[in-house]
Amino acid sequence: MELIPVLSTIILIATISTFLLAIGAYILYKIREGKGQQVVAPIPATVKAELYTPADIPVQVPRQGPEIAPQPAFFEQKPGHSFQPEFAKYPQLKDYKFLKYTSEGYVVPSKEEKSTGTLKWK
């Protein structure tokens, strides 16, 4: 008689019994949880405690600055007009993905400015 079929049968039976045991434990856990032991704490008729009340001392809070009442801000929207960002001033630049901002405004970066040389740290 070979030993391998016997050992594999023992391992198979042990694995199946482990699964069945786990399923049974889970079912029992759910049954116990479903019952729910609800314990209500008894409310005592009297409570022994000391009562401290603050003394009536006038407290002055220092002012942090001038008190300014908040005022609502109103913006008029002219009919037919909408907000246009500064980019709208340059319609010819809409086709470019990357732009460089200079004192003249947005410009297209030139190919000459791009160099693969050493980095310059400021």
Protein backbone atom coordinates (compact mmCIF):
# COMPACT_ATOMS: atom_id res chain seq x y z
CA MET A 1 0.00 0.00 0.00
CA GLU A 2 1.30 3.39 -0.98
CA LEU A 3 1.78 6.07 1.61
CA ILE A 4 1.04 9.12 -0.61
CA PRO A 5 -2.67 8.38 -1.24
CA VAL A 6 -3.21 7.80 2.49
CA LEU A 7 -1.52 11.06 3.48
CA SER A 8 -3.35 13.04 0.80
CA THR A 9 -6.67 11.60 2.02
CA ILE A 10 -5.85 12.62 5.60
CA ILE A 11 -4.93 16.16 4.48
CA LEU A 12 -8.11 16.44 2.39
CA ILE A 13 -10.31 15.32 5.31
CA ALA A 14 -8.53 17.74 7.69
CA THR A 15 -8.99 20.65 5.28
CA ILE A 16 -12.69 19.95 4.73
CA SER A 17 -13.32 19.54 8.46
CA THR A 18 -11.51 22.86 9.12
CA PHE A 19 -13.80 24.62 6.65
CA LEU A 20 -16.90 23.05 8.21
CA LEU A 21 -15.72 24.03 11.69
CA ALA A 22 -15.15 27.62 10.56
CA ILE A 23 -18.61 27.83 8.97
CA GLY A 24 -20.20 26.41 12.13
CA ALA A 25 -18.35 28.89 14.34
CA TYR A 26 -19.46 31.78 12.14
CA ILE A 27 -23.10 30.67 12.30
CA LEU A 28 -22.96 30.36 16.08
CA TYR A 29 -21.34 33.81 16.30
CA LYS A 30 -24.16 35.34 14.25
CA ILE A 31 -26.81 33.62 16.40
CA ARG A 32 -25.19 34.92 19.59
CA GLU A 33 -24.83 38.42 18.11
CA GLY A 34 -28.48 38.39 17.00
CA LYS A 35 -29.73 37.83 20.53
CA GLY A 36 -27.97 40.97 21.72
CA GLN A 37 -27.58 41.23 25.42
CA GLN A 38 -28.87 44.70 26.17
CA VAL A 39 -28.01 45.89 29.63
CA VAL A 40 -29.54 49.12 30.84
CA ALA A 41 -27.63 50.86 33.59
CA PRO A 42 -29.80 51.62 36.60
CA ILE A 43 -30.43 55.32 37.17
CA PRO A 44 -29.65 56.26 40.79
CA ALA A 45 -32.26 58.17 42.75
CA THR A 46 -29.70 60.60 44.13
CA VAL A 47 -26.23 61.63 43.06
CA LYS A 48 -23.68 62.86 45.57
CA ALA A 49 -21.66 65.68 44.04
CA GLU A 50 -20.31 69.10 44.82
CA LEU A 51 -21.66 72.09 42.98
CA TYR A 52 -19.24 74.82 41.98
CA THR A 53 -20.59 78.06 40.57
CA PRO A 54 -18.43 80.82 39.14
CA ALA A 55 -18.20 84.07 41.05
CA ASP A 56 -19.71 87.17 39.46
CA ILE A 57 -16.53 88.93 38.39
CA PRO A 58 -16.79 91.47 35.60
CA VAL A 59 -14.41 90.50 32.84
CA GLN A 60 -13.24 92.97 30.23
CA VAL A 61 -12.10 91.53 26.95
CA PRO A 62 -9.44 93.65 25.26
CA ARG A 63 -10.37 94.88 21.81
CA GLN A 64 -8.37 93.36 19.01
CA GLY A 65 -8.72 96.28 16.63
CA PRO A 66 -11.24 98.68 15.23
CA GLU A 67 -14.67 97.23 14.80
CA ILE A 68 -15.70 97.44 11.20
CA ALA A 69 -19.10 96.29 10.18
CA PRO A 70 -18.98 93.92 7.21
CA GLN A 71 -20.38 95.47 4.08
CA PRO A 72 -21.70 93.50 1.14
CA ALA A 73 -19.89 93.83 -2.16
CA PHE A 74 -21.93 94.41 -5.29
CA PHE A 75 -20.70 93.77 -8.80
CA GLU A 76 -22.57 94.92 -11.83
CA GLN A 77 -22.77 92.54 -14.73
CA LYS A 78 -23.27 94.49 -17.91
CA PRO A 79 -25.66 92.77 -20.31
CA GLY A 80 -23.84 91.07 -23.15
CA HIS A 81 -20.49 91.18 -21.37
CA SER A 82 -18.74 88.34 -19.64
CA PHE A 83 -15.45 88.02 -17.86
CA GLN A 84 -12.58 87.44 -20.23
CA PRO A 85 -9.18 86.58 -18.87
CA GLU A 86 -6.07 88.34 -20.04
CA PHE A 87 -5.36 85.43 -22.35
CA ALA A 88 -8.28 86.55 -24.52
CA LYS A 89 -6.24 89.60 -25.53
CA TYR A 90 -3.92 87.30 -27.47
CA PRO A 91 -6.14 85.23 -29.78
CA GLN A 92 -3.20 84.16 -31.95
CA LEU A 93 -1.65 82.34 -28.97
CA LYS A 94 -4.58 79.98 -28.33
CA ASP A 95 -3.01 77.27 -30.47
CA TYR A 96 0.05 76.95 -28.24
CA LYS A 97 0.09 74.68 -25.21
CA PHE A 98 2.91 76.40 -23.32
CA LEU A 99 3.45 80.16 -23.13
CA LYS A 100 6.01 82.31 -21.42
CA TYR A 101 4.89 85.37 -19.45
CA THR A 102 7.11 88.42 -19.86
CA SER A 103 6.72 92.12 -19.18
CA GLU A 104 5.12 92.45 -22.64
CA GLY A 105 2.58 89.75 -21.84
CA TYR A 106 2.31 86.15 -23.03
CA VAL A 107 4.78 85.13 -25.72
CA VAL A 108 5.60 81.88 -27.43
CA PRO A 109 8.92 80.50 -26.12
CA SER A 110 11.46 80.32 -28.90
CA LYS A 111 13.39 77.21 -29.79
CA GLU A 112 16.71 79.01 -29.31
CA GLU A 113 16.04 79.63 -25.63
CA LYS A 114 15.78 75.93 -24.98
CA SER A 115 19.19 74.49 -24.39
CA THR A 116 20.30 71.10 -23.29
CA GLY A 117 23.40 72.52 -21.60
CA THR A 118 24.13 72.73 -17.92
CA LEU A 119 21.54 73.96 -15.51
CA LYS A 120 21.86 77.45 -14.10
CA TRP A 121 20.71 77.81 -10.52
CA LYS A 122 19.63 81.17 -9.25
